[in-house]
Amino acid sequence: MQDNRASSPHDRGPHLHAHTAPTTQQMRIVGQRRREAEEKLEHHLQEARHRSHPHGGEPQQDNKSQ
């Protein structure tokens, strides 16, 4: 048996659709998500820096042991 899709000039297989250019709306969504992810990462990094360097200059201690 032969695959009829190979002879059709309009259907060039499943790989053609995977490499088409994204639409403007898709690019905007990707950019927005990337900005949100970068902001979230920066926020987490600032929190981590704040936890490792408290304002008093002394190492943080757990209050659970008291």
Foldseek 3Di string as FASTA:
>chain_A
DDDPQVVDPVRPDDVVVVPDDDDPVVVVVVVVVVVVVVVVVVVVVVVVVCQCQPPVRDHDDDPVVD
